[in-house]
Amino acid sequence: MSPYDVLIRPLLTEKITAMREIKNCVAFAIDSRATRIEVRRAVEKIFSVKVTAVNLMNVKGKKKRQGRFVGKRSDWRKAFVTLKEGEKIELYESA
């Protein structure tokens, strides 16, 4: 799996922004088959930073309804990547 297939998109929320400031941690939506090692290698290769830790989380899709019809959003996976002290990802700094 290529590094660009592992990382789907960065996640930008208030909670993740606070984590970035306190713990130097960033978050990404990732491929559901990706492992910690693949996520680490992908972030290090794409953004040229050093990673100290990777935590993964499976997110269940919510049930949504429109009138009497019930549907479900897709399940997805996210990764919290802790960067080495002093490292930054420019993608988050411009947001």
PDB file of N, CA and C in Angstrom:
ATOM      1  N   MET A   1       0.855  -1.175   0.000  1.00  0.00           N
ATOM      2  CA  MET A   1       0.000   0.000   0.000  1.00  0.00           C
ATOM      3  C   MET A   1       0.904   1.243   0.000  1.00  0.00           C
ATOM      4  N   SER A   2       0.638   2.161  -0.900  1.00  0.00           N
ATOM      5  CA  SER A   2       1.448   3.371  -1.000  1.00  0.00           C
ATOM      6  C   SER A   2       1.121   4.322   0.154  1.00  0.00           C
ATOM      7  N   PRO A   3       2.062   5.202   0.532  1.00  0.00           N
ATOM      8  CA  PRO A   3       1.790   6.147   1.634  1.00  0.00           C
ATOM      9  C   PRO A   3       0.597   7.045   1.351  1.00  0.00           C
ATOM     10  N   TYR A   4       0.363   7.354   0.086  1.00  0.00           N
ATOM     11  CA  TYR A   4      -0.758   8.222  -0.260  1.00  0.00           C
ATOM     12  C   TYR A   4      -2.095   7.475  -0.223  1.00  0.00           C
ATOM     13  N   ASP A   5      -2.056   6.144  -0.220  1.00  0.00           N
ATOM     14  CA  ASP A   5      -3.277   5.352  -0.060  1.00  0.00           C
ATOM     15  C   ASP A   5      -3.629   5.180   1.414  1.00  0.00           C
ATOM     16  N   VAL A   6      -2.636   5.239   2.287  1.00  0.00           N
ATOM     17  CA  VAL A   6      -2.863   5.034   3.721  1.00  0.00           C
ATOM     18  C   VAL A   6      -3.584   6.235   4.327  1.00  0.00           C
ATOM     19  N   LEU A   7      -3.084   7.447   4.063  1.00  0.00           N
ATOM     20  CA  LEU A   7      -3.684   8.666   4.621  1.00  0.00           C
ATOM     21  C   LEU A   7      -4.766   9.169   3.681  1.00  0.00           C
ATOM     22  N   ILE A   8      -5.999   9.282   4.170  1.00  0.00           N
ATOM     23  CA  ILE A   8      -7.109   9.751   3.341  1.00  0.00           C
ATOM     24  C   ILE A   8      -7.242  11.260   3.424  1.00  0.00           C
ATOM     25  N   ARG A   9      -7.316  11.797   4.652  1.00  0.00           N
ATOM     26  CA  ARG A   9      -7.438  13.248   4.819  1.00  0.00           C
ATOM     27  C   ARG A   9      -7.048  13.628   6.240  1.00  0.00           C
ATOM     28  N   PRO A  10      -6.598  14.863   6.439  1.00  0.00           N
ATOM     29  CA  PRO A  10      -6.336  15.317   7.807  1.00  0.00           C
ATOM     30  C   PRO A  10      -7.647  15.675   8.495  1.00  0.00           C
ATOM     31  N   LEU A  11      -7.675  15.565   9.800  1.00  0.00           N
ATOM     32  CA  LEU A  11      -8.859  15.921  10.572  1.00  0.00           C
ATOM     33  C   LEU A  11      -8.586  17.225  11.311  1.00  0.00           C
ATOM     34  N   LEU A  12      -9.463  18.197  11.145  1.00  0.00           N
ATOM     35  CA  LEU A  12      -9.314  19.500  11.782  1.00  0.00           C
ATOM     36  C   LEU A  12     -10.561  19.803  12.604  1.00  0.00           C
ATOM     37  N   THR A  13     -10.472  19.562  13.901  1.00  0.00           N
ATOM     38  CA  THR A  13     -11.564  19.879  14.817  1.00  0.00           C
ATOM     39  C   THR A  13     -10.986  20.668  15.988  1.00  0.00           C
ATOM     40  N   GLU A  14     -11.847  21.210  16.811  1.00  0.00           N
ATOM     41  CA  GLU A  14     -11.391  21.965  17.974  1.00  0.00           C
ATOM     42  C   GLU A  14     -10.607  21.075  18.940  1.00  0.00           C
ATOM     43  N   LYS A  15     -11.074  19.865  19.139  1.00  0.00           N
ATOM     44  CA  LYS A  15     -10.421  18.949  20.061  1.00  0.00           C
ATOM     45  C   LYS A  15      -9.018  18.573  19.561  1.00  0.00           C
ATOM     46  N   ILE A  16      -8.902  18.306  18.276  1.00  0.00           N
ATOM     47  CA  ILE A  16      -7.609  17.938  17.704  1.00  0.00           C
ATOM     48  C   ILE A  16      -6.666  19.137  17.688  1.00  0.00           C
ATOM     49  N   THR A  17      -7.202  20.338  17.483  1.00  0.00           N
ATOM     50  CA  THR A  17      -6.369  21.538  17.540  1.00  0.00           C
ATOM     51  C   THR A  17      -5.798  21.724  18.938  1.00  0.00           C
ATOM     52  N   ALA A  18      -6.590  21.474  19.958  1.00  0.00           N
ATOM     53  CA  ALA A  18      -6.104  21.568  21.338  1.00  0.00           C
ATOM     54  C   ALA A  18      -5.040  20.506  21.604  1.00  0.00           C
ATOM     55  N   MET A  19      -5.228  19.302  21.096  1.00  0.00           N
ATOM     56  CA  MET A  19      -4.238  18.237  21.260  1.00  0.00           C
ATOM     57  C   MET A  19      -2.927  18.598  20.568  1.00  0.00           C
ATOM     58  N   ARG A  20      -3.039  19.260  19.414  1.00  0.00           N
ATOM     59  CA  ARG A  20      -1.838  19.656  18.675  1.00  0.00           C
ATOM     60  C   ARG A  20      -1.012  20.648  19.495  1.00  0.00           C
ATOM     61  N   GLU A  21      -1.694  21.564  20.176  1.00  0.00           N
ATOM     62  CA  GLU A  21      -0.985  22.566  20.964  1.00  0.00           C
ATOM     63  C   GLU A  21      -0.396  21.987  22.246  1.00  0.00           C
ATOM     64  N   ILE A  22      -1.102  21.062  22.892  1.00  0.00           N
ATOM     65  CA  ILE A  22      -0.659  20.510  24.173  1.00  0.00           C
ATOM     66  C   ILE A  22       0.321  19.347  23.983  1.00  0.00           C
ATOM     67  N   LYS A  23      -0.035  18.370  23.136  1.00  0.00           N
ATOM     68  CA  LYS A  23       0.742  17.134  23.019  1.00  0.00           C
ATOM     69  C   LYS A  23       1.545  17.012  21.729  1.00  0.00           C
ATOM     70  N   ASN A  24       1.462  17.995  20.826  1.00  0.00           N
ATOM     71  CA  ASN A  24       2.101  17.921  19.506  1.00  0.00           C
ATOM     72  C   ASN A  24       1.590  16.689  18.755  1.00  0.00           C
ATOM     73  N   CYS A  25       0.276  16.524  18.732  1.00  0.00           N
ATOM     74  CA  CYS A  25      -0.387  15.366  18.149  1.00  0.00           C
ATOM     75  C   CYS A  25      -1.313  15.827  17.017  1.00  0.00           C
ATOM     76  N   VAL A  26      -1.272  15.125  15.884  1.00  0.00           N
ATOM     77  CA  VAL A  26      -2.144  15.432  14.750  1.00  0.00           C
ATOM     78  C   VAL A  26      -2.988  14.204  14.435  1.00  0.00           C
ATOM     79  N   ALA A  27      -4.068  14.392  13.678  1.00  0.00           N
ATOM     80  CA  ALA A  27      -4.981  13.279  13.400  1.00  0.00           C
ATOM     81  C   ALA A  27      -5.288  13.196  11.909  1.00  0.00           C
ATOM     82  N   PHE A  28      -5.490  11.966  11.444  1.00  0.00           N
ATOM     83  CA  PHE A  28      -5.810  11.707  10.050  1.00  0.00           C
ATOM     84  C   PHE A  28      -6.899  10.650   9.957  1.00  0.00           C
ATOM     85  N   ALA A  29      -7.750  10.759   8.938  1.00  0.00           N
ATOM     86  CA  ALA A  29      -8.623   9.660   8.562  1.00  0.00           C
ATOM     87  C   ALA A  29      -7.763   8.749   7.694  1.00  0.00           C
ATOM     88  N   ILE A  30      -7.770   7.453   7.988  1.00  0.00           N
ATOM     89  CA  ILE A  30      -6.879   6.533   7.293  1.00  0.00           C
ATOM     90  C   ILE A  30      -7.663   5.384   6.674  1.00  0.00           C
ATOM     91  N   ASP A  31      -6.987   4.615   5.838  1.00  0.00           N
ATOM     92  CA  ASP A  31      -7.577   3.427   5.237  1.00  0.00           C
ATOM     93  C   ASP A  31      -7.895   2.423   6.344  1.00  0.00           C
ATOM     94  N   SER A  32      -8.994   1.717   6.209  1.00  0.00           N
ATOM     95  CA  SER A  32      -9.432   0.813   7.280  1.00  0.00           C
ATOM     96  C   SER A  32      -8.518  -0.402   7.438  1.00  0.00           C
ATOM     97  N   ARG A  33      -7.681  -0.694   6.440  1.00  0.00           N
ATOM     98  CA  ARG A  33      -6.777  -1.847   6.527  1.00  0.00           C
ATOM     99  C   ARG A  33      -5.381  -1.465   7.002  1.00  0.00           C
ATOM    100  N   ALA A  34      -5.110  -0.181   7.216  1.00  0.00           N
ATOM    101  CA  ALA A  34      -3.771   0.292   7.561  1.00  0.00           C
ATOM    102  C   ALA A  34      -3.392  -0.078   8.993  1.00  0.00           C
ATOM    103  N   THR A  35      -2.107  -0.347   9.201  1.00  0.00           N
ATOM    104  CA  THR A  35      -1.582  -0.672  10.525  1.00  0.00           C
ATOM    105  C   THR A  35      -0.812   0.525  11.070  1.00  0.00           C
ATOM    106  N   ARG A  36      -0.412   0.428  12.340  1.00  0.00           N
ATOM    107  CA  ARG A  36       0.355   1.501  12.967  1.00  0.00           C
ATOM    108  C   ARG A  36       1.658   1.761  12.216  1.00  0.00           C
ATOM    109  N   ILE A  37       2.334   0.705  11.825  1.00  0.00           N
ATOM    110  CA  ILE A  37       3.622   0.847  11.144  1.00  0.00           C
ATOM    111  C   ILE A  37       3.441   1.537   9.795  1.00  0.00           C
ATOM    112  N   GLU A  38       2.399   1.171   9.059  1.00  0.00           N
ATOM    113  CA  GLU A  38       2.143   1.803   7.761  1.00  0.00           C
ATOM    114  C   GLU A  38       1.807   3.282   7.924  1.00  0.00           C
ATOM    115  N   VAL A  39       1.035   3.622   8.957  1.00  0.00           N
ATOM    116  CA  VAL A  39       0.692   5.023   9.207  1.00  0.00           C
ATOM    117  C   VAL A  39       1.947   5.808   9.564  1.00  0.00           C
ATOM    118  N   ARG A  40       2.788   5.255  10.411  1.00  0.00           N
ATOM    119  CA  ARG A  40       4.039   5.919  10.803  1.00  0.00           C
ATOM    120  C   ARG A  40       4.916   6.188   9.578  1.00  0.00           C
ATOM    121  N   ARG A  41       5.102   5.184   8.753  1.00  0.00           N
ATOM    122  CA  ARG A  41       5.941   5.339   7.561  1.00  0.00           C
ATOM    123  C   ARG A  41       5.349   6.351   6.589  1.00  0.00           C
ATOM    124  N   ALA A  42       4.034   6.341   6.433  1.00  0.00           N
ATOM    125  CA  ALA A  42       3.383   7.265   5.508  1.00  0.00           C
ATOM    126  C   ALA A  42       3.550   8.711   5.968  1.00  0.00           C
ATOM    127  N   VAL A  43       3.330   8.982   7.255  1.00  0.00           N
ATOM    128  CA  VAL A  43       3.456  10.351   7.776  1.00  0.00           C
ATOM    129  C   VAL A  43       4.905  10.817   7.674  1.00  0.00           C
ATOM    130  N   GLU A  44       5.853   9.943   8.035  1.00  0.00           N
ATOM    131  CA  GLU A  44       7.262  10.320   7.972  1.00  0.00           C
ATOM    132  C   GLU A  44       7.709  10.599   6.539  1.00  0.00           C
ATOM    133  N   LYS A  45       7.214   9.820   5.581  1.00  0.00           N
ATOM    134  CA  LYS A  45       7.628  10.003   4.191  1.00  0.00           C
ATOM    135  C   LYS A  45       6.970  11.229   3.561  1.00  0.00           C
ATOM    136  N   ILE A  46       5.678  11.406   3.756  1.00  0.00           N
ATOM    137  CA  ILE A  46       4.953  12.492   3.096  1.00  0.00           C
ATOM    138  C   ILE A  46       5.323  13.855   3.684  1.00  0.00           C
ATOM    139  N   PHE A  47       5.407  13.954   5.016  1.00  0.00           N
ATOM    140  CA  PHE A  47       5.602  15.250   5.655  1.00  0.00           C
ATOM    141  C   PHE A  47       7.033  15.492   6.150  1.00  0.00           C
ATOM    142  N   SER A  48       7.925  14.524   6.016  1.00  0.00           N
ATOM    143  CA  SER A  48       9.335  14.638   6.435  1.00  0.00           C
ATOM    144  C   SER A  48       9.464  15.052   7.897  1.00  0.00           C
ATOM    145  N   VAL A  49       8.787  14.325   8.780  1.00  0.00           N
ATOM    146  CA  VAL A  49       8.848  14.562  10.226  1.00  0.00           C
ATOM    147  C   VAL A  49       9.153  13.239  10.918  1.00  0.00           C
ATOM    148  N   LYS A  50       9.519  13.321  12.195  1.00  0.00           N
ATOM    149  CA  LYS A  50       9.755  12.126  13.004  1.00  0.00           C
ATOM    150  C   LYS A  50       8.542  11.870  13.884  1.00  0.00           C
ATOM    151  N   VAL A  51       8.087  10.625  13.926  1.00  0.00           N
ATOM    152  CA  VAL A  51       6.900  10.230  14.689  1.00  0.00           C
ATOM    153  C   VAL A  51       7.345   9.454  15.921  1.00  0.00           C
ATOM    154  N   THR A  52       6.762   9.774  17.086  1.00  0.00           N
ATOM    155  CA  THR A  52       7.083   9.044  18.319  1.00  0.00           C
ATOM    156  C   THR A  52       6.024   8.002  18.663  1.00  0.00           C
ATOM    157  N   ALA A  53       4.746   8.255  18.322  1.00  0.00           N
ATOM    158  CA  ALA A  53       3.684   7.301  18.670  1.00  0.00           C
ATOM    159  C   ALA A  53       2.533   7.410  17.685  1.00  0.00           C
ATOM    160  N   VAL A  54       1.843   6.284  17.489  1.00  0.00           N
ATOM    161  CA  VAL A  54       0.648   6.243  16.637  1.00  0.00           C
ATOM    162  C   VAL A  54      -0.435   5.481  17.378  1.00  0.00           C
ATOM    163  N   ASN A  55      -1.606   6.092  17.522  1.00  0.00           N
ATOM    164  CA  ASN A  55      -2.765   5.432  18.127  1.00  0.00           C
ATOM    165  C   ASN A  55      -3.881   5.397  17.095  1.00  0.00           C
ATOM    166  N   LEU A  56      -4.514   4.236  16.947  1.00  0.00           N
ATOM    167  CA  LEU A  56      -5.584   4.055  15.964  1.00  0.00           C
ATOM    168  C   LEU A  56      -6.924   3.869  16.658  1.00  0.00           C
ATOM    169  N   MET A  57      -7.990   4.303  15.968  1.00  0.00           N
ATOM    170  CA  MET A  57      -9.333   4.198  16.524  1.00  0.00           C
ATOM    171  C   MET A  57     -10.313   3.870  15.394  1.00  0.00           C
ATOM    172  N   ASN A  58     -11.174   2.898  15.632  1.00  0.00           N
ATOM    173  CA  ASN A  58     -12.247   2.601  14.689  1.00  0.00           C
ATOM    174  C   ASN A  58     -13.475   3.412  15.080  1.00  0.00           C
ATOM    175  N   VAL A  59     -14.049   4.120  14.116  1.00  0.00           N
ATOM    176  CA  VAL A  59     -15.211   4.961  14.373  1.00  0.00           C
ATOM    177  C   VAL A  59     -16.416   4.310  13.685  1.00  0.00           C
ATOM    178  N   LYS A  60     -17.448   4.058  14.447  1.00  0.00           N
ATOM    179  CA  LYS A  60     -18.671   3.454  13.901  1.00  0.00           C
ATOM    180  C   LYS A  60     -19.513   4.525  13.220  1.00  0.00           C
ATOM    181  N   GLY A  61     -20.105   4.190  12.085  1.00  0.00           N
ATOM    182  CA  GLY A  61     -20.964   5.130  11.375  1.00  0.00           C
ATOM    183  C   GLY A  61     -22.286   5.321  12.099  1.00  0.00           C
ATOM    184  N   LYS A  62     -22.803   6.527  12.035  1.00  0.00           N
ATOM    185  CA  LYS A  62     -24.058   6.835  12.719  1.00  0.00           C
ATOM    186  C   LYS A  62     -25.245   6.387  11.870  1.00  0.00           C
ATOM    187  N   LYS A  63     -26.340   6.041  12.548  1.00  0.00           N
ATOM    188  CA  LYS A  63     -27.585   5.762  11.846  1.00  0.00           C
ATOM    189  C   LYS A  63     -28.280   7.082  11.566  1.00  0.00           C
ATOM    190  N   LYS A  64     -28.700   7.275  10.345  1.00  0.00           N
ATOM    191  CA  LYS A  64     -29.389   8.501   9.947  1.00  0.00           C
ATOM    192  C   LYS A  64     -30.699   8.108   9.283  1.00  0.00           C
ATOM    193  N   ARG A  65     -31.677   8.980   9.391  1.00  0.00           N
ATOM    194  CA  ARG A  65     -32.963   8.685   8.771  1.00  0.00           C
ATOM    195  C   ARG A  65     -33.472   9.901   8.032  1.00  0.00           C
ATOM    196  N   GLN A  66     -34.216   9.622   6.988  1.00  0.00           N
ATOM    197  CA  GLN A  66     -34.892  10.669   6.236  1.00  0.00           C
ATOM    198  C   GLN A  66     -36.326  10.190   6.088  1.00  0.00           C
ATOM    199  N   GLY A  67     -37.185  10.774   6.899  1.00  0.00           N
ATOM    200  CA  GLY A  67     -38.569  10.311   6.919  1.00  0.00           C
ATOM    201  C   GLY A  67     -38.640   8.936   7.540  1.00  0.00           C
ATOM    202  N   ARG A  68     -39.231   7.998   6.827  1.00  0.00           N
ATOM    203  CA  ARG A  68     -39.345   6.652   7.377  1.00  0.00           C
ATOM    204  C   ARG A  68     -38.207   5.739   6.944  1.00  0.00           C
ATOM    205  N   PHE A  69     -37.285   6.242   6.144  1.00  0.00           N
ATOM    206  CA  PHE A  69     -36.172   5.436   5.654  1.00  0.00           C
ATOM    207  C   PHE A  69     -34.947   5.624   6.541  1.00  0.00           C
ATOM    208  N   VAL A  70     -34.369   4.504   6.953  1.00  0.00           N
ATOM    209  CA  VAL A  70     -33.217   4.541   7.834  1.00  0.00           C
ATOM    210  C   VAL A  70     -31.991   4.094   7.047  1.00  0.00           C
ATOM    211  N   GLY A  71     -30.922   4.853   7.173  1.00  0.00           N
ATOM    212  CA  GLY A  71     -29.660   4.508   6.531  1.00  0.00           C
ATOM    213  C   GLY A  71     -28.537   4.545   7.546  1.00  0.00           C
ATOM    214  N   LYS A  72     -27.328   4.292   7.083  1.00  0.00           N
ATOM    215  CA  LYS A  72     -26.184   4.270   7.983  1.00  0.00           C
ATOM    216  C   LYS A  72     -24.982   4.852   7.247  1.00  0.00           C
ATOM    217  N   ARG A  73     -24.256   5.725   7.949  1.00  0.00           N
ATOM    218  CA  ARG A  73     -23.014   6.245   7.394  1.00  0.00           C
ATOM    219  C   ARG A  73     -21.943   5.164   7.479  1.00  0.00           C
ATOM    220  N   SER A  74     -20.921   5.294   6.680  1.00  0.00           N
ATOM    221  CA  SER A  74     -19.850   4.301   6.649  1.00  0.00           C
ATOM    222  C   SER A  74     -19.021   4.328   7.928  1.00  0.00           C
ATOM    223  N   ASP A  75     -18.520   3.143   8.318  1.00  0.00           N
ATOM    224  CA  ASP A  75     -17.538   3.065   9.390  1.00  0.00           C
ATOM    225  C   ASP A  75     -16.206   3.556   8.832  1.00  0.00           C
ATOM    226  N   TRP A  76     -15.376   4.166   9.683  1.00  0.00           N
ATOM    227  CA  TRP A  76     -14.079   4.641   9.226  1.00  0.00           C
ATOM    228  C   TRP A  76     -13.059   4.540  10.343  1.00  0.00           C
ATOM    229  N   ARG A  77     -11.826   4.847  10.038  1.00  0.00           N
ATOM    230  CA  ARG A  77     -10.746   4.680  11.004  1.00  0.00           C
ATOM    231  C   ARG A  77      -9.929   5.954  11.075  1.00  0.00           C
ATOM    232  N   LYS A  78      -9.499   6.310  12.280  1.00  0.00           N
ATOM    233  CA  LYS A  78      -8.655   7.492  12.410  1.00  0.00           C
ATOM    234  C   LYS A  78      -7.409   7.170  13.192  1.00  0.00           C
ATOM    235  N   ALA A  79      -6.373   7.977  12.934  1.00  0.00           N
ATOM    236  CA  ALA A  79      -5.081   7.789  13.580  1.00  0.00           C
ATOM    237  C   ALA A  79      -4.670   9.078  14.259  1.00  0.00           C
ATOM    238  N   PHE A  80      -4.208   8.952  15.508  1.00  0.00           N
ATOM    239  CA  PHE A  80      -3.611  10.070  16.226  1.00  0.00           C
ATOM    240  C   PHE A  80      -2.107   9.853  16.196  1.00  0.00           C
ATOM    241  N   VAL A  81      -1.391  10.800  15.591  1.00  0.00           N
ATOM    242  CA  VAL A  81       0.047  10.672  15.402  1.00  0.00           C
ATOM    243  C   VAL A  81       0.740  11.717  16.270  1.00  0.00           C
ATOM    244  N   THR A  82       1.576  11.253  17.212  1.00  0.00           N
ATOM    245  CA  THR A  82       2.343  12.150  18.064  1.00  0.00           C
ATOM    246  C   THR A  82       3.696  12.384  17.417  1.00  0.00           C
ATOM    247  N   LEU A  83       4.029  13.656  17.214  1.00  0.00           N
ATOM    248  CA  LEU A  83       5.286  14.015  16.563  1.00  0.00           C
ATOM    249  C   LEU A  83       6.371  14.260  17.592  1.00  0.00           C
ATOM    250  N   LYS A  84       7.625  14.099  17.163  1.00  0.00           N
ATOM    251  CA  LYS A  84       8.770  14.367  18.021  1.00  0.00           C
ATOM    252  C   LYS A  84       8.786  15.841  18.402  1.00  0.00           C
ATOM    253  N   GLU A  85       9.306  16.146  19.581  1.00  0.00           N
ATOM    254  CA  GLU A  85       9.354  17.520  20.089  1.00  0.00           C
ATOM    255  C   GLU A  85      10.060  18.428  19.086  1.00  0.00           C
ATOM    256  N   GLY A  86       9.417  19.540  18.740  1.00  0.00           N
ATOM    257  CA  GLY A  86       9.990  20.499  17.794  1.00  0.00           C
ATOM    258  C   GLY A  86       9.565  20.284  16.352  1.00  0.00           C
ATOM    259  N   GLU A  87       8.943  19.144  16.037  1.00  0.00           N
ATOM    260  CA  GLU A  87       8.485  18.850  14.675  1.00  0.00           C
ATOM    261  C   GLU A  87       7.105  19.457  14.463  1.00  0.00           C
ATOM    262  N   LYS A  88       6.839  19.910  13.240  1.00  0.00           N
ATOM    263  CA  LYS A  88       5.534  20.456  12.883  1.00  0.00           C
ATOM    264  C   LYS A  88       5.174  20.015  11.483  1.00  0.00           C
ATOM    265  N   ILE A  89       3.869  19.946  11.210  1.00  0.00           N
ATOM    266  CA  ILE A  89       3.376  19.691   9.864  1.00  0.00           C
ATOM    267  C   ILE A  89       2.804  21.003   9.347  1.00  0.00           C
ATOM    268  N   GLU A  90       3.316  21.496   8.243  1.00  0.00           N
ATOM    269  CA  GLU A  90       2.932  22.801   7.709  1.00  0.00           C
ATOM    270  C   GLU A  90       1.446  22.842   7.324  1.00  0.00           C
ATOM    271  N   LEU A  91       0.876  21.700   6.988  1.00  0.00           N
ATOM    272  CA  LEU A  91      -0.531  21.626   6.613  1.00  0.00           C
ATOM    273  C   LEU A  91      -1.418  22.158   7.737  1.00  0.00           C
ATOM    274  N   TYR A  92      -1.094  21.831   8.973  1.00  0.00           N
ATOM    275  CA  TYR A  92      -1.894  22.261  10.114  1.00  0.00           C
ATOM    276  C   TYR A  92      -1.579  23.695  10.517  1.00  0.00           C
ATOM    277  N   GLU A  93      -0.383  24.145  10.278  1.00  0.00           N
ATOM    278  CA  GLU A  93       0.016  25.478  10.713  1.00  0.00           C
ATOM    279  C   GLU A  93      -0.671  26.572   9.894  1.00  0.00           C
ATOM    280  N   SER A  94      -1.033  26.266   8.646  1.00  0.00           N
ATOM    281  CA  SER A  94      -1.673  27.278   7.796  1.00  0.00           C
ATOM    282  C   SER A  94      -3.171  27.337   8.008  1.00  0.00           C
ATOM    283  N   ALA A  95      -3.751  26.353   8.703  1.00  0.00           N
ATOM    284  CA  ALA A  95      -5.206  26.305   8.894  1.00  0.00           C
ATOM    285  C   ALA A  95      -5.659  27.247   9.979  1.00  0.00           C
TER     286      ALA A  95
END
